[in-house]
Each structure stands twice: as structure tokens, then as C-alpha cells.
Amino acid sequence: MANGLDGEIKILVAEVAEVSLDKLDDPNISFSDLDIDSMKALEIAAAVEKKYKLIIPEGEIPKIRNLAQVIDMVKRLKG
């Protein structure tokens, strides 16, 4: 995965989810496969909102199921 924004988000997700970075090498691996439950996903969303000063629409949060989706959402919301 590229450095820059993608790398920052990967590190943030790994820290909040308490998983090692290498487990996120495949950005399409499902959060459920990494034992990241819905509460942890909410924590990830909150951390992303705080770090990037974004507001994630409530309806979007349940749709976030992997790192690639988090990265895409941040890029879309940042414009």
C-alpha cells in the first residue's frame, strides 16, 4: 500500500483496532476476519473524523467493512 494518506489511515486503523500493520497489508480483508466488531468500527470512524476533521454520515458507518473502504471514504469526503 502506498504511503501518504493511505499509509496514515492504515496506521490509524491498526492502532484503533489493535491489530498489527501487517494484518492490514491486504486493504480488502474484511474487518470481521480481523475480529474488528461494530463497536470497534465506530471507534475507527470517530478517530477518522477527528484526525481528518470530517463528518461521516451515519448511514455510511455500517457499510465500512475493510481498510480500502475507509480510505475511499476519507478521500471522497475530503474532496
N, C-alpha and C. Protein backbone atom coordinates (compact mmCIF):
# COMPACT_ATOMS: atom_id res chain seq x y z
N MET A 1 0.85 -1.18 0.00
CA MET A 1 0.00 0.00 0.00
C MET A 1 0.89 1.23 0.00
N ALA A 2 0.43 2.25 -0.64
CA ALA A 2 1.19 3.48 -0.76
C ALA A 2 1.33 4.18 0.59
N ASN A 3 2.34 5.02 0.66
CA ASN A 3 2.49 5.85 1.85
C ASN A 3 1.54 7.01 1.74
N GLY A 4 1.82 8.11 2.43
CA GLY A 4 0.94 9.26 2.35
C GLY A 4 -0.36 9.00 3.08
N LEU A 5 -1.45 9.49 2.51
CA LEU A 5 -2.75 9.38 3.15
C LEU A 5 -3.14 7.93 3.40
N ASP A 6 -2.95 7.07 2.41
CA ASP A 6 -3.30 5.66 2.58
C ASP A 6 -2.56 5.05 3.78
N GLY A 7 -1.27 5.35 3.86
CA GLY A 7 -0.46 4.83 4.96
C GLY A 7 -0.89 5.37 6.31
N GLU A 8 -1.22 6.66 6.35
CA GLU A 8 -1.70 7.28 7.60
C GLU A 8 -2.97 6.59 8.09
N ILE A 9 -3.89 6.37 7.16
CA ILE A 9 -5.17 5.74 7.52
C ILE A 9 -4.94 4.31 7.98
N LYS A 10 -4.04 3.60 7.30
CA LYS A 10 -3.72 2.23 7.69
C LYS A 10 -3.20 2.19 9.13
N ILE A 11 -2.29 3.10 9.46
CA ILE A 11 -1.73 3.16 10.82
C ILE A 11 -2.82 3.49 11.83
N LEU A 12 -3.67 4.46 11.49
CA LEU A 12 -4.76 4.85 12.40
C LEU A 12 -5.69 3.67 12.67
N VAL A 13 -6.09 2.98 11.62
CA VAL A 13 -6.99 1.83 11.77
C VAL A 13 -6.32 0.74 12.60
N ALA A 14 -5.05 0.47 12.34
CA ALA A 14 -4.33 -0.56 13.10
C ALA A 14 -4.27 -0.21 14.59
N GLU A 15 -4.00 1.07 14.89
CA GLU A 15 -3.92 1.49 16.30
C GLU A 15 -5.27 1.38 16.99
N VAL A 16 -6.31 1.88 16.36
CA VAL A 16 -7.63 1.86 16.99
C VAL A 16 -8.15 0.42 17.13
N ALA A 17 -7.94 -0.37 16.09
CA ALA A 17 -8.44 -1.75 16.09
C ALA A 17 -7.54 -2.70 16.87
N GLU A 18 -6.36 -2.20 17.25
CA GLU A 18 -5.39 -3.01 17.99
C GLU A 18 -5.00 -4.27 17.22
N VAL A 19 -4.68 -4.06 15.92
CA VAL A 19 -4.16 -5.14 15.09
C VAL A 19 -2.82 -4.70 14.53
N SER A 20 -1.99 -5.66 14.18
CA SER A 20 -0.68 -5.31 13.63
C SER A 20 -0.84 -4.79 12.20
N LEU A 21 0.07 -3.93 11.79
CA LEU A 21 0.02 -3.34 10.45
C LEU A 21 0.03 -4.40 9.36
N ASP A 22 0.79 -5.47 9.57
CA ASP A 22 0.89 -6.49 8.52
C ASP A 22 -0.44 -7.18 8.27
N LYS A 23 -1.34 -7.20 9.26
CA LYS A 23 -2.66 -7.79 9.04
C LYS A 23 -3.50 -6.94 8.10
N LEU A 24 -3.09 -5.68 7.91
CA LEU A 24 -3.82 -4.78 7.01
C LEU A 24 -3.11 -4.61 5.67
N ASP A 25 -2.12 -5.47 5.39
CA ASP A 25 -1.42 -5.38 4.12
C ASP A 25 -2.37 -5.56 2.94
N ASP A 26 -3.37 -6.41 3.11
CA ASP A 26 -4.43 -6.53 2.10
C ASP A 26 -5.56 -5.61 2.54
N PRO A 27 -5.71 -4.45 1.87
CA PRO A 27 -6.72 -3.49 2.30
C PRO A 27 -8.15 -3.98 2.12
N ASN A 28 -8.32 -5.10 1.41
CA ASN A 28 -9.67 -5.62 1.18
C ASN A 28 -10.07 -6.73 2.15
N ILE A 29 -9.17 -7.08 3.09
CA ILE A 29 -9.54 -8.10 4.07
C ILE A 29 -10.65 -7.54 4.96
N SER A 30 -11.64 -8.37 5.17
CA SER A 30 -12.81 -7.95 5.94
C SER A 30 -12.43 -7.68 7.40
N PHE A 31 -13.01 -6.61 7.94
CA PHE A 31 -12.78 -6.31 9.36
C PHE A 31 -13.24 -7.49 10.22
N SER A 32 -14.31 -8.15 9.83
CA SER A 32 -14.78 -9.28 10.64
C SER A 32 -13.75 -10.41 10.67
N ASP A 33 -12.97 -10.57 9.60
CA ASP A 33 -11.91 -11.57 9.59
C ASP A 33 -10.77 -11.20 10.54
N LEU A 34 -10.70 -9.92 10.90
CA LEU A 34 -9.68 -9.44 11.83
C LEU A 34 -10.23 -9.27 13.24
N ASP A 35 -11.43 -9.78 13.46
CA ASP A 35 -12.12 -9.66 14.75
C ASP A 35 -12.37 -8.20 15.14
N ILE A 36 -12.62 -7.35 14.14
CA ILE A 36 -13.00 -5.96 14.38
C ILE A 36 -14.52 -5.92 14.34
N ASP A 37 -15.13 -5.74 15.52
CA ASP A 37 -16.59 -5.74 15.60
C ASP A 37 -17.17 -4.36 15.31
N SER A 38 -18.48 -4.25 15.39
CA SER A 38 -19.15 -3.00 15.05
C SER A 38 -18.77 -1.87 16.01
N MET A 39 -18.53 -2.19 17.26
CA MET A 39 -18.13 -1.14 18.22
C MET A 39 -16.74 -0.61 17.86
N LYS A 40 -15.85 -1.49 17.48
CA LYS A 40 -14.51 -1.08 17.07
C LYS A 40 -14.59 -0.27 15.78
N ALA A 41 -15.49 -0.65 14.88
CA ALA A 41 -15.68 0.09 13.64
C ALA A 41 -16.15 1.52 13.94
N LEU A 42 -17.00 1.67 14.94
CA LEU A 42 -17.44 3.01 15.35
C LEU A 42 -16.26 3.81 15.89
N GLU A 43 -15.39 3.17 16.64
CA GLU A 43 -14.20 3.84 17.16
C GLU A 43 -13.29 4.28 16.01
N ILE A 44 -13.16 3.43 15.00
CA ILE A 44 -12.36 3.78 13.83
C ILE A 44 -12.96 5.00 13.14
N ALA A 45 -14.28 4.98 12.95
CA ALA A 45 -14.96 6.11 12.30
C ALA A 45 -14.75 7.40 13.09
N ALA A 46 -14.87 7.32 14.42
CA ALA A 46 -14.68 8.51 15.26
C ALA A 46 -13.24 9.02 15.16
N ALA A 47 -12.28 8.12 15.14
CA ALA A 47 -10.87 8.52 15.04
C ALA A 47 -10.59 9.18 13.69
N VAL A 48 -11.18 8.64 12.64
CA VAL A 48 -11.02 9.21 11.29
C VAL A 48 -11.63 10.61 11.24
N GLU A 49 -12.83 10.74 11.81
CA GLU A 49 -13.49 12.06 11.83
C GLU A 49 -12.64 13.08 12.56
N LYS A 50 -12.09 12.69 13.70
CA LYS A 50 -11.28 13.62 14.49
C LYS A 50 -9.99 13.99 13.77
N LYS A 51 -9.28 12.99 13.26
CA LYS A 51 -7.99 13.25 12.62
C LYS A 51 -8.12 14.10 11.36
N TYR A 52 -9.12 13.80 10.56
CA TYR A 52 -9.25 14.48 9.26
C TYR A 52 -10.33 15.56 9.25
N LYS A 53 -10.89 15.84 10.44
CA LYS A 53 -11.92 16.87 10.57
C LYS A 53 -13.04 16.67 9.56
N LEU A 54 -13.58 15.45 9.56
CA LEU A 54 -14.66 15.07 8.66
C LEU A 54 -15.90 14.72 9.46
N ILE A 55 -17.03 14.73 8.79
CA ILE A 55 -18.25 14.19 9.37
C ILE A 55 -18.68 13.04 8.47
N ILE A 56 -18.68 11.85 9.03
CA ILE A 56 -19.09 10.67 8.28
C ILE A 56 -20.59 10.52 8.47
N PRO A 57 -21.35 10.52 7.38
CA PRO A 57 -22.80 10.32 7.52
C PRO A 57 -23.09 9.01 8.23
N GLU A 58 -24.05 9.05 9.18
CA GLU A 58 -24.34 7.87 10.00
C GLU A 58 -24.63 6.63 9.17
N GLY A 59 -25.30 6.80 8.05
CA GLY A 59 -25.65 5.66 7.22
C GLY A 59 -24.45 5.01 6.55
N GLU A 60 -23.34 5.73 6.50
CA GLU A 60 -22.13 5.19 5.85
C GLU A 60 -21.36 4.26 6.78
N ILE A 61 -21.43 4.50 8.06
CA ILE A 61 -20.59 3.76 9.02
C ILE A 61 -20.82 2.25 8.95
N PRO A 62 -22.07 1.77 8.91
CA PRO A 62 -22.25 0.31 8.85
C PRO A 62 -21.74 -0.30 7.54
N LYS A 63 -21.54 0.50 6.52
CA LYS A 63 -21.09 -0.01 5.22
C LYS A 63 -19.57 -0.19 5.18
N ILE A 64 -18.88 0.32 6.18
CA ILE A 64 -17.42 0.23 6.19
C ILE A 64 -17.03 -1.14 6.71
N ARG A 65 -16.45 -1.95 5.81
CA ARG A 65 -16.14 -3.33 6.18
C ARG A 65 -14.69 -3.70 6.00
N ASN A 66 -13.88 -2.75 5.47
CA ASN A 66 -12.45 -3.04 5.31
C ASN A 66 -11.67 -1.74 5.17
N LEU A 67 -10.36 -1.86 5.20
CA LEU A 67 -9.48 -0.70 5.13
C LEU A 67 -9.67 0.07 3.83
N ALA A 68 -9.82 -0.64 2.72
CA ALA A 68 -9.98 0.03 1.43
C ALA A 68 -11.20 0.95 1.44
N GLN A 69 -12.27 0.52 2.08
CA GLN A 69 -13.48 1.35 2.16
C GLN A 69 -13.25 2.57 3.04
N VAL A 70 -12.48 2.43 4.10
CA VAL A 70 -12.16 3.59 4.95
C VAL A 70 -11.36 4.61 4.14
N ILE A 71 -10.36 4.13 3.41
CA ILE A 71 -9.52 5.02 2.60
C ILE A 71 -10.36 5.73 1.54
N ASP A 72 -11.20 4.97 0.84
CA ASP A 72 -12.06 5.57 -0.19
C ASP A 72 -12.99 6.63 0.39
N MET A 73 -13.56 6.33 1.56
CA MET A 73 -14.48 7.27 2.20
C MET A 73 -13.77 8.56 2.58
N VAL A 74 -12.58 8.45 3.16
CA VAL A 74 -11.85 9.65 3.56
C VAL A 74 -11.52 10.50 2.33
N LYS A 75 -11.05 9.86 1.28
CA LYS A 75 -10.71 10.60 0.06
C LYS A 75 -11.94 11.28 -0.52
N ARG A 76 -13.07 10.59 -0.50
CA ARG A 76 -14.31 11.16 -1.04
C ARG A 76 -14.78 12.34 -0.20
N LEU A 77 -14.75 12.19 1.11
CA LEU A 77 -15.23 13.25 2.00
C LEU A 77 -14.29 14.45 2.04
N LYS A 78 -13.00 14.18 1.85
CA LYS A 78 -12.03 15.29 1.83
C LYS A 78 -12.13 16.08 0.53
N GLY A 79 -12.69 15.43 -0.49
CA GLY A 79 -12.84 16.10 -1.79
C GLY A 79 -11.53 16.17 -2.47
